[in-house]
Amino acid sequence: MNQYKFTFPALEAYPQHEGEANVVFTVHWRLDGTDGAGQSAGTYGSVGVTLDDGEPFTPFSGLTEAQVQGWVEAALGEEQVANMKTSIDAQIAEQVTPSKVVLTPPWVAQPEIPAAAGQE
């Protein structure tokens, strides 16, 4: 079974907004999956977020990865997150068992690769 992990390489923020400092409005995210045997794939994007009037404001320095992941998953929706994981699974499966390969025509000479020094 593949394992998945969200990461958040960048957060865009307003320096000042509605009386608060460094208010995040866009989260850039990555969702990566791995099969544990060396195969991996991923997808990335960004989502907009807004101040939630019903939730207390969290200062930028107090944000947690789990909180930001919650924002991203809520913005994307359960179905889209599931579809992204399905796509990652398909990419990993394609790496393990390719459905197509690229071959050099037999009439094209293959370049010789010289042996590394000391390996002749």
N, C-alpha and C. Protein backbone atom coordinates (compact mmCIF):
# COMPACT_ATOMS: atom_id res chain seq x y z
N MET A 1 0.84 -1.18 0.00
CA MET A 1 0.00 0.00 0.00
C MET A 1 0.89 1.25 0.00
N ASN A 2 0.57 2.17 -0.86
CA ASN A 2 1.36 3.40 -0.97
C ASN A 2 1.11 4.32 0.22
N GLN A 3 2.14 5.07 0.55
CA GLN A 3 2.07 6.07 1.62
C GLN A 3 2.08 7.45 0.97
N TYR A 4 1.34 8.40 1.53
CA TYR A 4 1.22 9.74 0.95
C TYR A 4 1.61 10.78 1.98
N LYS A 5 2.16 11.90 1.48
CA LYS A 5 2.54 12.99 2.38
C LYS A 5 2.36 14.32 1.67
N PHE A 6 1.64 15.22 2.34
CA PHE A 6 1.54 16.60 1.87
C PHE A 6 2.74 17.37 2.40
N THR A 7 3.28 18.27 1.58
CA THR A 7 4.26 19.25 2.03
C THR A 7 3.83 20.61 1.49
N PHE A 8 4.34 21.65 2.12
CA PHE A 8 3.90 23.01 1.80
C PHE A 8 5.12 23.90 1.63
N PRO A 9 5.65 23.98 0.40
CA PRO A 9 6.89 24.72 0.18
C PRO A 9 6.77 26.24 0.29
N ALA A 10 5.57 26.79 0.15
CA ALA A 10 5.43 28.25 0.21
C ALA A 10 4.02 28.63 0.62
N LEU A 11 3.96 29.69 1.40
CA LEU A 11 2.68 30.29 1.80
C LEU A 11 2.72 31.76 1.41
N GLU A 12 1.74 32.20 0.64
CA GLU A 12 1.66 33.61 0.30
C GLU A 12 0.77 34.29 1.33
N ALA A 13 1.20 35.48 1.78
CA ALA A 13 0.47 36.17 2.84
C ALA A 13 0.42 37.67 2.60
N TYR A 14 -0.64 38.29 3.12
CA TYR A 14 -0.72 39.74 3.16
C TYR A 14 0.07 40.20 4.38
N PRO A 15 0.96 41.20 4.24
CA PRO A 15 1.68 41.69 5.41
C PRO A 15 0.72 42.20 6.49
N GLN A 16 -0.37 42.85 6.07
CA GLN A 16 -1.40 43.34 6.99
C GLN A 16 -2.76 43.11 6.33
N HIS A 17 -3.71 42.53 7.10
CA HIS A 17 -5.05 42.30 6.56
C HIS A 17 -6.03 42.19 7.72
N GLU A 18 -7.06 43.01 7.68
CA GLU A 18 -8.11 43.01 8.70
C GLU A 18 -7.53 43.06 10.12
N GLY A 19 -6.51 43.88 10.29
CA GLY A 19 -5.92 44.09 11.60
C GLY A 19 -4.95 43.01 12.06
N GLU A 20 -4.66 42.07 11.18
CA GLU A 20 -3.73 40.98 11.52
C GLU A 20 -2.51 41.06 10.61
N ALA A 21 -1.39 40.49 11.08
CA ALA A 21 -0.14 40.49 10.31
C ALA A 21 0.09 39.12 9.66
N ASN A 22 0.68 39.17 8.47
CA ASN A 22 1.08 37.94 7.75
C ASN A 22 -0.08 36.95 7.63
N VAL A 23 -1.15 37.40 7.00
CA VAL A 23 -2.35 36.59 6.82
C VAL A 23 -2.22 35.79 5.53
N VAL A 24 -2.16 34.48 5.67
CA VAL A 24 -1.98 33.58 4.52
C VAL A 24 -3.23 33.62 3.65
N PHE A 25 -3.01 33.75 2.33
CA PHE A 25 -4.13 33.71 1.39
C PHE A 25 -3.97 32.65 0.31
N THR A 26 -2.74 32.15 0.11
CA THR A 26 -2.52 31.08 -0.85
C THR A 26 -1.51 30.09 -0.26
N VAL A 27 -1.84 28.80 -0.38
CA VAL A 27 -0.94 27.73 0.07
C VAL A 27 -0.50 26.96 -1.16
N HIS A 28 0.80 26.88 -1.35
CA HIS A 28 1.38 26.04 -2.40
C HIS A 28 1.67 24.69 -1.77
N TRP A 29 1.20 23.61 -2.41
CA TRP A 29 1.31 22.29 -1.81
C TRP A 29 1.87 21.27 -2.78
N ARG A 30 2.38 20.18 -2.22
CA ARG A 30 2.79 18.99 -2.96
C ARG A 30 2.16 17.79 -2.26
N LEU A 31 1.72 16.81 -3.04
CA LEU A 31 1.29 15.54 -2.48
C LEU A 31 2.15 14.48 -3.15
N ASP A 32 2.97 13.82 -2.35
CA ASP A 32 3.87 12.78 -2.86
C ASP A 32 3.45 11.43 -2.30
N GLY A 33 3.64 10.41 -3.12
CA GLY A 33 3.36 9.05 -2.70
C GLY A 33 4.57 8.18 -2.96
N THR A 34 4.73 7.16 -2.13
CA THR A 34 5.82 6.21 -2.32
C THR A 34 5.31 4.81 -2.01
N ASP A 35 5.91 3.83 -2.71
CA ASP A 35 5.49 2.45 -2.48
C ASP A 35 6.36 1.74 -1.45
N GLY A 36 7.36 2.44 -0.91
CA GLY A 36 8.24 1.84 0.08
C GLY A 36 9.35 1.01 -0.53
N ALA A 37 9.33 0.81 -1.85
CA ALA A 37 10.36 0.03 -2.52
C ALA A 37 11.16 0.88 -3.50
N GLY A 38 11.08 2.19 -3.33
CA GLY A 38 11.88 3.09 -4.16
C GLY A 38 11.13 3.80 -5.27
N GLN A 39 9.88 3.44 -5.51
CA GLN A 39 9.10 4.12 -6.54
C GLN A 39 8.29 5.23 -5.89
N SER A 40 8.24 6.37 -6.57
CA SER A 40 7.48 7.49 -6.03
C SER A 40 6.92 8.34 -7.16
N ALA A 41 5.90 9.10 -6.83
CA ALA A 41 5.27 10.02 -7.78
C ALA A 41 4.59 11.10 -6.96
N GLY A 42 4.20 12.17 -7.63
CA GLY A 42 3.55 13.23 -6.90
C GLY A 42 2.81 14.19 -7.80
N THR A 43 2.16 15.11 -7.16
CA THR A 43 1.43 16.17 -7.85
C THR A 43 1.54 17.42 -6.99
N TYR A 44 1.25 18.56 -7.58
CA TYR A 44 1.38 19.81 -6.84
C TYR A 44 0.38 20.83 -7.33
N GLY A 45 0.19 21.86 -6.54
CA GLY A 45 -0.73 22.92 -6.91
C GLY A 45 -0.77 23.98 -5.84
N SER A 46 -1.79 24.80 -5.89
CA SER A 46 -1.99 25.82 -4.87
C SER A 46 -3.48 26.03 -4.68
N VAL A 47 -3.83 26.47 -3.49
CA VAL A 47 -5.23 26.77 -3.19
C VAL A 47 -5.29 28.09 -2.44
N GLY A 48 -6.38 28.79 -2.65
CA GLY A 48 -6.62 30.01 -1.91
C GLY A 48 -7.33 29.70 -0.60
N VAL A 49 -6.99 30.45 0.42
CA VAL A 49 -7.64 30.31 1.72
C VAL A 49 -8.05 31.70 2.20
N THR A 50 -9.03 31.74 3.07
CA THR A 50 -9.51 33.01 3.60
C THR A 50 -9.60 32.95 5.12
N LEU A 51 -9.67 34.12 5.73
CA LEU A 51 -9.91 34.17 7.17
C LEU A 51 -11.29 33.60 7.42
N ASP A 52 -11.37 32.67 8.35
CA ASP A 52 -12.66 32.07 8.69
C ASP A 52 -13.22 32.83 9.88
N ASP A 53 -14.33 33.51 9.66
CA ASP A 53 -14.92 34.34 10.71
C ASP A 53 -15.28 33.54 11.97
N GLY A 54 -15.54 32.24 11.81
CA GLY A 54 -15.94 31.44 12.96
C GLY A 54 -14.76 30.86 13.73
N GLU A 55 -13.58 30.94 13.18
CA GLU A 55 -12.40 30.37 13.82
C GLU A 55 -11.49 31.48 14.32
N PRO A 56 -10.83 31.27 15.47
CA PRO A 56 -9.88 32.29 15.93
C PRO A 56 -8.68 32.36 14.99
N PHE A 57 -8.16 33.56 14.80
CA PHE A 57 -6.99 33.76 13.94
C PHE A 57 -5.76 33.14 14.60
N THR A 58 -4.98 32.41 13.80
CA THR A 58 -3.72 31.86 14.27
C THR A 58 -2.60 32.71 13.70
N PRO A 59 -1.77 33.33 14.55
CA PRO A 59 -0.64 34.10 14.03
C PRO A 59 0.26 33.21 13.17
N PHE A 60 0.89 33.82 12.18
CA PHE A 60 1.73 33.07 11.25
C PHE A 60 2.73 32.18 11.99
N SER A 61 3.38 32.71 13.00
CA SER A 61 4.39 31.94 13.73
C SER A 61 3.78 30.76 14.49
N GLY A 62 2.47 30.75 14.67
CA GLY A 62 1.81 29.66 15.38
C GLY A 62 1.17 28.62 14.47
N LEU A 63 1.25 28.83 13.15
CA LEU A 63 0.67 27.86 12.23
C LEU A 63 1.39 26.52 12.36
N THR A 64 0.63 25.45 12.19
CA THR A 64 1.23 24.11 12.18
C THR A 64 1.01 23.48 10.82
N GLU A 65 1.84 22.52 10.51
CA GLU A 65 1.69 21.80 9.25
C GLU A 65 0.32 21.12 9.18
N ALA A 66 -0.12 20.54 10.29
CA ALA A 66 -1.43 19.87 10.32
C ALA A 66 -2.56 20.86 10.04
N GLN A 67 -2.46 22.06 10.58
CA GLN A 67 -3.49 23.07 10.36
C GLN A 67 -3.54 23.46 8.88
N VAL A 68 -2.38 23.70 8.29
CA VAL A 68 -2.32 24.08 6.88
C VAL A 68 -2.82 22.93 6.00
N GLN A 69 -2.45 21.69 6.36
CA GLN A 69 -2.95 20.54 5.60
C GLN A 69 -4.47 20.47 5.68
N GLY A 70 -5.03 20.76 6.83
CA GLY A 70 -6.48 20.79 6.96
C GLY A 70 -7.11 21.82 6.03
N TRP A 71 -6.49 22.99 5.92
CA TRP A 71 -6.99 24.01 4.99
C TRP A 71 -6.98 23.50 3.57
N VAL A 72 -5.84 22.90 3.19
CA VAL A 72 -5.67 22.43 1.81
C VAL A 72 -6.68 21.33 1.50
N GLU A 73 -6.79 20.35 2.38
CA GLU A 73 -7.72 19.25 2.12
C GLU A 73 -9.16 19.75 2.08
N ALA A 74 -9.51 20.71 2.92
CA ALA A 74 -10.86 21.28 2.89
C ALA A 74 -11.11 22.03 1.58
N ALA A 75 -10.10 22.78 1.12
CA ALA A 75 -10.25 23.54 -0.12
C ALA A 75 -10.35 22.61 -1.33
N LEU A 76 -9.56 21.54 -1.34
CA LEU A 76 -9.57 20.61 -2.47
C LEU A 76 -10.82 19.73 -2.44
N GLY A 77 -11.22 19.32 -1.27
CA GLY A 77 -12.36 18.41 -1.13
C GLY A 77 -11.89 16.96 -1.11
N GLU A 78 -12.65 16.15 -0.41
CA GLU A 78 -12.32 14.73 -0.24
C GLU A 78 -12.17 14.00 -1.56
N GLU A 79 -13.08 14.26 -2.49
CA GLU A 79 -13.07 13.55 -3.77
C GLU A 79 -11.81 13.88 -4.58
N GLN A 80 -11.42 15.16 -4.61
CA GLN A 80 -10.23 15.53 -5.37
C GLN A 80 -8.97 14.94 -4.75
N VAL A 81 -8.88 14.94 -3.42
CA VAL A 81 -7.71 14.34 -2.76
C VAL A 81 -7.65 12.85 -3.09
N ALA A 82 -8.79 12.16 -3.05
CA ALA A 82 -8.83 10.73 -3.40
C ALA A 82 -8.42 10.52 -4.85
N ASN A 83 -8.87 11.37 -5.76
CA ASN A 83 -8.50 11.26 -7.17
C ASN A 83 -7.00 11.48 -7.38
N MET A 84 -6.42 12.41 -6.62
CA MET A 84 -4.97 12.64 -6.74
C MET A 84 -4.19 11.42 -6.27
N LYS A 85 -4.64 10.80 -5.18
CA LYS A 85 -3.98 9.60 -4.69
C LYS A 85 -4.10 8.46 -5.70
N THR A 86 -5.25 8.34 -6.34
CA THR A 86 -5.44 7.32 -7.37
C THR A 86 -4.49 7.58 -8.54
N SER A 87 -4.32 8.83 -8.92
CA SER A 87 -3.40 9.17 -10.00
C SER A 87 -1.95 8.84 -9.62
N ILE A 88 -1.57 9.15 -8.39
CA ILE A 88 -0.23 8.83 -7.91
C ILE A 88 -0.02 7.32 -7.92
N ASP A 89 -1.04 6.56 -7.48
CA ASP A 89 -0.95 5.09 -7.50
C ASP A 89 -0.71 4.59 -8.93
N ALA A 90 -1.42 5.18 -9.89
CA ALA A 90 -1.27 4.77 -11.29
C ALA A 90 0.13 5.09 -11.82
N GLN A 91 0.66 6.26 -11.42
CA GLN A 91 2.01 6.62 -11.86
C GLN A 91 3.05 5.65 -11.30
N ILE A 92 2.89 5.28 -10.03
CA ILE A 92 3.81 4.34 -9.41
C ILE A 92 3.68 2.96 -10.06
N ALA A 93 2.46 2.51 -10.30
CA ALA A 93 2.24 1.22 -10.96
C ALA A 93 2.88 1.21 -12.34
N GLU A 94 2.81 2.33 -13.05
CA GLU A 94 3.43 2.43 -14.38
C GLU A 94 4.95 2.32 -14.28
N GLN A 95 5.54 2.84 -13.23
CA GLN A 95 6.99 2.71 -13.03
C GLN A 95 7.37 1.26 -12.77
N VAL A 96 6.56 0.57 -11.97
CA VAL A 96 6.84 -0.81 -11.61
C VAL A 96 6.65 -1.74 -12.82
N THR A 97 5.56 -1.56 -13.54
CA THR A 97 5.24 -2.40 -14.71
C THR A 97 4.84 -1.48 -15.85
N PRO A 98 5.83 -1.00 -16.63
CA PRO A 98 5.51 -0.05 -17.71
C PRO A 98 4.57 -0.66 -18.75
N SER A 99 3.60 0.12 -19.20
CA SER A 99 2.69 -0.33 -20.24
C SER A 99 3.24 -0.03 -21.63
N LYS A 100 4.31 0.78 -21.68
CA LYS A 100 4.96 1.08 -22.95
C LYS A 100 6.42 1.43 -22.67
N VAL A 101 7.25 1.22 -23.69
CA VAL A 101 8.67 1.53 -23.58
C VAL A 101 9.10 2.27 -24.84
N VAL A 102 10.20 3.00 -24.75
CA VAL A 102 10.78 3.68 -25.89
C VAL A 102 12.02 2.90 -26.29
N LEU A 103 12.05 2.47 -27.53
CA LEU A 103 13.17 1.67 -28.03
C LEU A 103 13.91 2.41 -29.13
N THR A 104 15.22 2.23 -29.17
CA THR A 104 16.02 2.77 -30.25
C THR A 104 15.92 1.81 -31.43
N PRO A 105 15.68 2.32 -32.64
CA PRO A 105 15.59 1.42 -33.81
C PRO A 105 16.86 0.59 -33.94
N PRO A 106 16.74 -0.66 -34.39
CA PRO A 106 17.90 -1.55 -34.45
C PRO A 106 18.97 -1.09 -35.44
N TRP A 107 18.62 -0.27 -36.40
CA TRP A 107 19.60 0.19 -37.38
C TRP A 107 20.41 1.39 -36.90
N VAL A 108 20.04 1.96 -35.76
CA VAL A 108 20.77 3.09 -35.21
C VAL A 108 21.88 2.56 -34.30
N ALA A 109 23.11 2.98 -34.62
CA ALA A 109 24.26 2.52 -33.83
C ALA A 109 24.15 3.03 -32.40
N GLN A 110 24.38 2.15 -31.47
CA GLN A 110 24.38 2.51 -30.07
C GLN A 110 25.73 3.12 -29.73
N PRO A 111 25.75 4.23 -29.03
CA PRO A 111 27.04 4.84 -28.68
C PRO A 111 27.78 3.94 -27.70
N GLU A 112 29.09 3.87 -27.90
CA GLU A 112 29.92 3.12 -26.97
C GLU A 112 30.20 3.99 -25.76
N ILE A 113 30.07 3.41 -24.61
CA ILE A 113 30.35 4.13 -23.38
C ILE A 113 31.72 3.67 -22.90
N PRO A 114 32.70 4.60 -22.88
CA PRO A 114 34.05 4.21 -22.45
C PRO A 114 34.03 3.76 -20.99
N ALA A 115 34.87 2.78 -20.69
CA ALA A 115 35.00 2.31 -19.31
C ALA A 115 35.60 3.40 -18.45
N ALA A 116 35.16 3.48 -17.20
CA ALA A 116 35.72 4.44 -16.28
C ALA A 116 37.16 4.08 -15.97
N ALA A 117 37.96 5.05 -15.66
CA ALA A 117 39.37 4.81 -15.35
C ALA A 117 39.48 3.79 -14.23
N GLY A 118 40.30 2.80 -14.43
CA GLY A 118 40.53 1.78 -13.44
C GLY A 118 39.54 0.64 -13.50
N GLN A 119 38.62 0.65 -14.47
CA GLN A 119 37.62 -0.42 -14.56
C GLN A 119 37.74 -1.17 -15.87
N GLU A 120 38.90 -1.14 -16.49
CA GLU A 120 39.06 -1.84 -17.77
C GLU A 120 39.48 -3.25 -17.57
